[in-house]
Amino acid sequence: SKMGDTWSQLPWPGPPHPAMLLVSLLLAAGVMRADAGASCPVLCTCNNQVVDCSSQRLFSVPPDLPMDTLNLSLAHNRIAAVPPGYLTCYAELRVLDLRNNSLVELPPGLFLHAKRLAHLDLSYNNLSHVPADMFQEAHGLVHIDLSHNPWLRRVHPQAFQGLVQLRDLDLSYGGLAFLSLEALEGLPGLVTLQIGGNPWVCGCAMEPLLKWLRNRIQRCTADSQLAECRGPPEVEGAPLFSLTEESFKACHLTLTLDDYLFIAFVGFVVSIASVATNFLLGITANCCHRWSKANEEEEI
């Protein structure tokens, strides 16, 4: 009871001072920032939602990133693979830089939850193909750089399906000999296309793509000076965009009924001539054999 009387006699401190309240809030914010900064991966720097892990000789991607990462750079490392579902928790990611690594392929569905990803750089890697589901659900992509992948020899016709916002596509300096028109005609927003430095085979199969490119050349910037044909021999070294409809004239030659009848007639004549020639050669050989045998009997 004495203790209660003592507390009751103490003066009431009143409401907290505004300055003290502000200091408390700032200290709490500082603690929260410290906790967020603690999630920055080792060998990386994190600042304003930008995570920079470039040029750190990494052999694998960092396991944990800040949840609010907008820009992630893993460039200039030795990363050979990205684990499935790696981007699942980073729905705010806008920029992903994986250039100059050792990537051979990407796991299916890597971008399923990266719906806000706009810029993707996969240049200077060892990618061999671009499958149909590589950019699945990444409908916000605006820029894709696949240049300088020397082993890149195949792009699936539906590789870029659904990327209606894509403006810049770089496929230069790879190993592409052919590119399906279907892979590009579903990109209504395409403004820049780089395809130079590939060993293009400018045969009949390339005509639809070249026709499409000529029709869009004023709206779609392309590196026309760097794109050259490596085959067939008659057009080797020729600029890809220098080929005209006349260059593919032979691809549209069709045979009429008269042509088929003529070919059949020539085939029949050649067959008869062959049979007659073989018959005459047989008779001649037989006569020579009999004449030689008769001479031998006379000598005996």
Protein backbone atom coordinates (compact mmCIF):
# COMPACT_ATOMS: atom_id res chain seq x y z
CA SER A 1 0.00 0.00 0.00
CA LYS A 2 2.91 2.33 0.72
CA MET A 3 4.34 1.61 -2.71
CA GLY A 4 1.00 2.39 -4.30
CA ASP A 5 0.80 5.63 -2.38
CA THR A 6 4.31 6.52 -3.54
CA TRP A 7 3.42 5.97 -7.24
CA SER A 8 0.24 7.92 -6.85
CA GLN A 9 2.17 10.91 -5.55
CA LEU A 10 4.54 11.02 -8.59
CA PRO A 11 3.72 13.61 -11.28
CA TRP A 12 2.11 12.30 -14.53
CA PRO A 13 4.65 12.66 -17.38
CA GLY A 14 1.96 13.52 -19.91
CA PRO A 15 1.86 12.58 -23.63
CA PRO A 16 5.19 11.93 -25.41
CA HIS A 17 6.96 14.91 -26.91
CA PRO A 18 6.67 15.12 -30.77
CA ALA A 19 10.46 15.29 -31.11
CA MET A 20 10.90 12.09 -29.10
CA LEU A 21 8.24 10.39 -31.21
CA LEU A 22 10.05 11.40 -34.43
CA VAL A 23 13.36 10.07 -33.13
CA SER A 24 11.70 6.76 -32.26
CA LEU A 25 10.24 6.46 -35.77
CA LEU A 26 13.59 7.22 -37.40
CA LEU A 27 15.32 4.62 -35.24
CA ALA A 28 12.67 2.05 -36.19
CA ALA A 29 13.11 2.88 -39.88
CA GLY A 30 16.85 2.52 -39.51
CA VAL A 31 16.42 -0.91 -37.97
CA MET A 32 14.12 -1.93 -40.84
CA ARG A 33 16.67 -0.75 -43.42
CA ALA A 34 19.37 -2.65 -41.63
CA ASP A 35 17.25 -5.79 -41.71
CA ALA A 36 16.59 -5.31 -45.46
CA GLY A 37 20.27 -4.71 -46.16
CA ALA A 38 21.14 -7.91 -44.36
CA SER A 39 19.46 -9.89 -47.14
CA CYS A 40 21.94 -8.62 -49.74
CA PRO A 41 23.92 -11.61 -51.09
CA VAL A 42 27.59 -12.01 -50.33
CA LEU A 43 29.86 -10.48 -53.02
CA CYS A 44 26.96 -8.32 -54.23
CA THR A 45 26.03 -4.73 -53.64
CA CYS A 46 22.45 -3.62 -53.05
CA ASN A 47 21.27 -0.06 -53.46
CA ASN A 48 17.82 1.34 -54.24
CA GLN A 49 16.43 -2.04 -55.34
CA VAL A 50 19.42 -2.62 -57.63
CA VAL A 51 21.44 -5.78 -56.94
CA ASP A 52 24.83 -5.87 -58.64
CA CYS A 53 26.67 -9.21 -58.56
CA SER A 54 28.68 -8.65 -61.75
CA SER A 55 32.35 -9.57 -62.25
CA GLN A 56 32.58 -11.65 -59.06
CA ARG A 57 33.67 -14.96 -60.66
CA LEU A 58 30.46 -16.61 -59.52
CA PHE A 59 29.83 -20.19 -60.61
CA SER A 60 26.20 -20.13 -59.49
CA VAL A 61 23.49 -17.57 -58.93
CA PRO A 62 23.20 -16.09 -55.41
CA PRO A 63 20.56 -18.05 -53.46
CA ASP A 64 18.73 -15.15 -51.76
CA LEU A 65 17.94 -11.67 -53.02
CA PRO A 66 15.97 -8.78 -51.56
CA MET A 67 12.32 -9.44 -52.29
CA ASP A 68 11.83 -6.00 -53.88
CA THR A 69 14.70 -6.30 -56.37
CA LEU A 70 14.02 -4.36 -59.58
CA ASN A 71 17.37 -4.65 -61.34
CA LEU A 72 19.59 -7.75 -61.06
CA SER A 73 23.01 -7.91 -62.73
CA LEU A 74 24.86 -11.24 -62.85
CA ALA A 75 27.00 -10.27 -65.81
CA HIS A 76 30.63 -11.25 -66.40
CA ASN A 77 30.65 -14.37 -64.23
CA ARG A 78 30.99 -18.09 -64.84
CA ILE A 79 27.41 -19.14 -64.20
CA ALA A 80 26.58 -22.34 -66.08
CA ALA A 81 22.98 -22.88 -64.97
CA VAL A 82 20.01 -21.13 -63.37
CA PRO A 83 17.94 -23.34 -61.05
CA PRO A 84 14.23 -23.86 -61.85
CA GLY A 85 11.95 -21.41 -60.11
CA TYR A 86 14.80 -19.03 -59.30
CA LEU A 87 12.72 -15.92 -60.09
CA THR A 88 9.52 -17.09 -58.42
CA CYS A 89 9.78 -14.73 -55.43
CA TYR A 90 10.93 -11.65 -57.35
CA ALA A 91 7.73 -10.46 -59.00
CA GLU A 92 8.97 -6.85 -59.13
CA LEU A 93 12.01 -7.65 -61.28
CA ARG A 94 12.31 -5.35 -64.31
CA VAL A 95 15.88 -5.90 -65.57
CA LEU A 96 17.89 -9.15 -65.66
CA ASP A 97 21.46 -9.07 -66.96
CA LEU A 98 23.07 -12.49 -67.52
CA ARG A 99 25.51 -11.55 -70.27
CA ASN A 100 28.98 -13.05 -70.54
CA ASN A 101 28.41 -16.27 -68.61
CA SER A 102 28.49 -19.98 -69.51
CA LEU A 103 24.77 -20.65 -69.89
CA VAL A 104 23.87 -23.52 -72.22
CA GLU A 105 20.13 -23.38 -71.58
CA LEU A 106 17.54 -21.94 -69.23
CA PRO A 107 15.09 -24.05 -67.22
CA PRO A 108 11.49 -24.20 -68.49
CA GLY A 109 9.16 -21.73 -66.82
CA LEU A 110 11.93 -19.51 -65.46
CA PHE A 111 9.94 -16.36 -66.23
CA LEU A 112 6.49 -17.60 -65.21
CA HIS A 113 6.32 -15.19 -62.26
CA ALA A 114 8.48 -12.43 -63.76
CA LYS A 115 5.54 -10.77 -65.44
CA ARG A 116 7.06 -7.28 -65.11
CA LEU A 117 10.43 -8.19 -66.61
CA ALA A 118 11.16 -5.74 -69.43
CA HIS A 119 14.88 -6.07 -70.25
CA LEU A 120 16.68 -9.40 -70.60
CA ASP A 121 20.33 -9.73 -71.66
CA LEU A 122 21.58 -13.25 -72.48
CA SER A 123 24.38 -12.22 -74.82
CA TYR A 124 27.84 -13.80 -74.81
CA ASN A 125 26.72 -17.22 -73.56
CA ASN A 126 26.65 -20.75 -74.98
CA LEU A 127 22.94 -21.11 -75.71
CA SER A 128 22.30 -23.68 -78.44
CA HIS A 129 18.57 -23.17 -79.05
CA VAL A 130 15.60 -21.04 -78.05
CA PRO A 131 12.70 -23.37 -77.19
CA ALA A 132 9.02 -22.55 -77.47
CA ASP A 133 8.52 -22.06 -73.72
CA MET A 134 11.66 -20.08 -72.97
CA PHE A 135 9.86 -16.75 -72.42
CA GLN A 136 6.57 -18.21 -71.25
CA GLU A 137 4.36 -15.64 -69.48
CA ALA A 138 7.05 -12.91 -69.74
CA HIS A 139 4.64 -10.76 -71.74
CA GLY A 140 6.18 -7.51 -70.50
CA LEU A 141 9.50 -8.03 -72.26
CA VAL A 142 10.56 -5.02 -74.33
CA HIS A 143 14.22 -5.88 -75.05
CA ILE A 144 15.84 -9.30 -75.56
CA ASP A 145 19.53 -9.66 -76.37
CA LEU A 146 20.61 -13.12 -77.58
CA SER A 147 23.64 -11.93 -79.54
CA HIS A 148 27.07 -13.54 -79.52
CA ASN A 149 25.86 -17.04 -78.74
CA PRO A 150 28.04 -18.87 -81.29
CA TRP A 151 26.29 -22.23 -80.77
CA LEU A 152 22.79 -20.83 -81.25
CA ARG A 153 21.53 -22.74 -84.28
CA ARG A 154 17.79 -23.03 -83.76
CA VAL A 155 14.99 -20.68 -82.77
CA HIS A 156 11.64 -22.40 -82.33
CA PRO A 157 8.86 -20.88 -84.50
CA GLN A 158 6.91 -20.10 -81.30
CA ALA A 159 9.87 -18.95 -79.21
CA PHE A 160 8.60 -15.36 -78.95
CA GLN A 161 4.89 -16.14 -78.89
CA GLY A 162 2.86 -13.66 -76.85
CA LEU A 163 5.59 -11.00 -76.60
CA VAL A 164 3.42 -8.28 -78.11
CA GLN A 165 5.38 -5.50 -76.36
CA LEU A 166 8.79 -6.61 -77.64
CA ARG A 167 10.53 -3.74 -79.43
CA ASP A 168 14.19 -4.80 -79.66
CA LEU A 169 15.44 -8.27 -80.58
CA ASP A 170 19.12 -9.02 -81.10
CA LEU A 171 20.01 -12.37 -82.72
CA SER A 172 23.31 -11.25 -84.22
CA TYR A 173 26.58 -13.18 -84.27
CA GLY A 174 25.17 -16.62 -83.60
CA GLY A 175 25.11 -19.83 -85.59
CA LEU A 176 21.74 -19.36 -87.27
CA ALA A 177 21.42 -20.61 -90.84
CA PHE A 178 17.63 -20.29 -90.93
CA LEU A 179 14.93 -18.39 -89.07
CA SER A 180 11.25 -19.19 -89.40
CA LEU A 181 8.97 -16.33 -90.40
CA GLU A 182 6.52 -17.56 -87.76
CA ALA A 183 9.01 -16.62 -85.04
CA LEU A 184 8.80 -12.93 -86.00
CA GLU A 185 5.40 -12.25 -87.54
CA GLY A 186 3.73 -12.42 -84.12
CA LEU A 187 5.73 -9.40 -82.87
CA PRO A 188 3.65 -6.35 -83.87
CA GLY A 189 5.72 -3.93 -81.78
CA LEU A 190 9.13 -4.93 -83.14
CA VAL A 191 11.22 -1.87 -84.00
CA THR A 192 14.82 -3.11 -84.03
CA LEU A 193 16.00 -6.48 -85.31
CA GLN A 194 19.67 -7.48 -85.41
CA ILE A 195 20.51 -10.65 -87.39
CA GLY A 196 23.97 -9.94 -88.83
CA GLY A 197 26.96 -12.19 -88.29
CA ASN A 198 25.07 -15.46 -88.77
CA PRO A 199 25.85 -18.11 -91.44
CA TRP A 200 22.57 -17.68 -93.32
CA VAL A 201 21.72 -20.23 -96.01
CA CYS A 202 19.76 -18.18 -98.53
CA GLY A 203 17.82 -20.99 -100.16
CA CYS A 204 14.16 -21.21 -101.04
CA ALA A 205 13.20 -21.64 -97.37
CA MET A 206 14.46 -18.12 -96.59
CA GLU A 207 12.26 -16.35 -99.12
CA PRO A 208 9.22 -15.79 -96.81
CA LEU A 209 11.41 -14.22 -94.13
CA LEU A 210 13.20 -11.92 -96.57
CA LYS A 211 9.93 -10.82 -98.13
CA TRP A 212 8.56 -9.99 -94.68
CA LEU A 213 11.70 -8.06 -93.77
CA ARG A 214 11.58 -6.03 -97.00
CA ASN A 215 7.99 -5.05 -96.27
CA ARG A 216 8.90 -3.89 -92.76
CA ILE A 217 12.33 -2.40 -93.44
CA GLN A 218 11.11 1.17 -93.05
CA ARG A 219 9.43 0.46 -89.73
CA CYS A 220 11.89 -2.10 -88.43
CA THR A 221 15.56 -1.14 -88.21
CA ALA A 222 17.80 -4.02 -89.19
CA ASP A 223 21.56 -4.46 -89.58
CA SER A 224 21.22 -5.07 -93.31
CA GLN A 225 24.90 -4.40 -94.01
CA LEU A 226 26.10 -7.14 -91.65
CA ALA A 227 23.69 -9.89 -92.73
CA GLU A 228 25.32 -12.02 -95.44
CA CYS A 229 24.63 -15.35 -97.15
CA ARG A 230 27.01 -18.24 -96.54
CA GLY A 231 25.25 -20.48 -99.01
CA PRO A 232 24.31 -21.78 -101.51
CA PRO A 233 27.55 -21.20 -103.46
CA GLU A 234 25.94 -18.98 -106.12
CA VAL A 235 25.03 -16.31 -103.54
CA GLU A 236 27.85 -16.80 -101.03
CA GLY A 237 28.99 -13.46 -99.61
CA ALA A 238 25.98 -11.57 -100.96
CA PRO A 239 24.17 -9.24 -98.54
CA LEU A 240 21.03 -10.92 -97.30
CA PHE A 241 18.84 -7.92 -98.12
CA SER A 242 20.21 -7.65 -101.66
CA LEU A 243 18.28 -10.75 -102.70
CA THR A 244 15.14 -9.96 -104.68
CA GLU A 245 12.19 -11.96 -105.96
CA GLU A 246 14.26 -12.67 -109.06
CA SER A 247 16.81 -14.44 -106.85
CA PHE A 248 14.15 -16.98 -105.88
CA LYS A 249 12.64 -17.38 -109.34
CA ALA A 250 13.83 -20.95 -109.59
CA CYS A 251 11.89 -21.78 -106.40
CA HIS A 252 8.62 -21.14 -108.21
CA LEU A 253 9.18 -23.13 -111.40
CA THR A 254 6.29 -25.50 -112.00
CA LEU A 255 5.91 -28.20 -114.63
CA THR A 256 2.92 -28.23 -117.00
CA LEU A 257 1.21 -31.30 -118.48
CA ASP A 258 3.24 -30.86 -121.67
CA ASP A 259 6.43 -30.86 -119.61
CA TYR A 260 5.47 -34.12 -117.92
CA LEU A 261 4.53 -35.69 -121.29
CA PHE A 262 7.83 -34.59 -122.79
CA ILE A 263 9.78 -36.01 -119.84
CA ALA A 264 7.85 -39.28 -120.12
CA PHE A 265 8.50 -39.44 -123.89
CA VAL A 266 12.20 -38.73 -123.45
CA GLY A 267 12.40 -41.39 -120.75
CA PHE A 268 10.67 -43.91 -123.01
CA VAL A 269 12.98 -43.13 -125.94
CA VAL A 270 16.06 -43.35 -123.73
CA SER A 271 14.86 -46.71 -122.40
CA ILE A 272 14.27 -48.11 -125.92
CA ALA A 273 17.63 -46.80 -127.07
CA SER A 274 19.31 -48.40 -124.10
CA VAL A 275 17.67 -51.76 -124.77
CA ALA A 276 18.53 -51.57 -128.48
CA THR A 277 22.13 -50.63 -127.71
CA ASN A 278 22.51 -53.52 -125.28
CA PHE A 279 20.96 -55.89 -127.88
CA LEU A 280 23.37 -54.77 -130.59
CA LEU A 281 26.32 -55.02 -128.24
CA GLY A 282 25.24 -58.55 -127.31
CA ILE A 283 24.97 -59.62 -130.97
CA THR A 284 28.33 -58.02 -131.77
CA ALA A 285 30.02 -59.77 -128.86
CA ASN A 286 28.50 -63.13 -129.88
CA CYS A 287 29.62 -62.73 -133.49
CA CYS A 288 33.15 -61.85 -132.40
CA HIS A 289 33.25 -64.88 -130.15
CA ARG A 290 32.12 -67.24 -132.98
CA TRP A 291 34.56 -65.70 -135.45
CA SER A 292 37.43 -66.09 -132.99
CA LYS A 293 36.47 -69.73 -132.33
CA ALA A 294 36.26 -70.50 -136.06
CA ASN A 295 39.75 -69.09 -136.65
CA GLU A 296 41.15 -71.27 -133.87
CA GLU A 297 39.60 -74.43 -135.43
CA GLU A 298 41.06 -73.61 -138.88
CA GLU A 299 44.53 -73.21 -137.41
CA ILE A 300 44.24 -76.65 -135.79
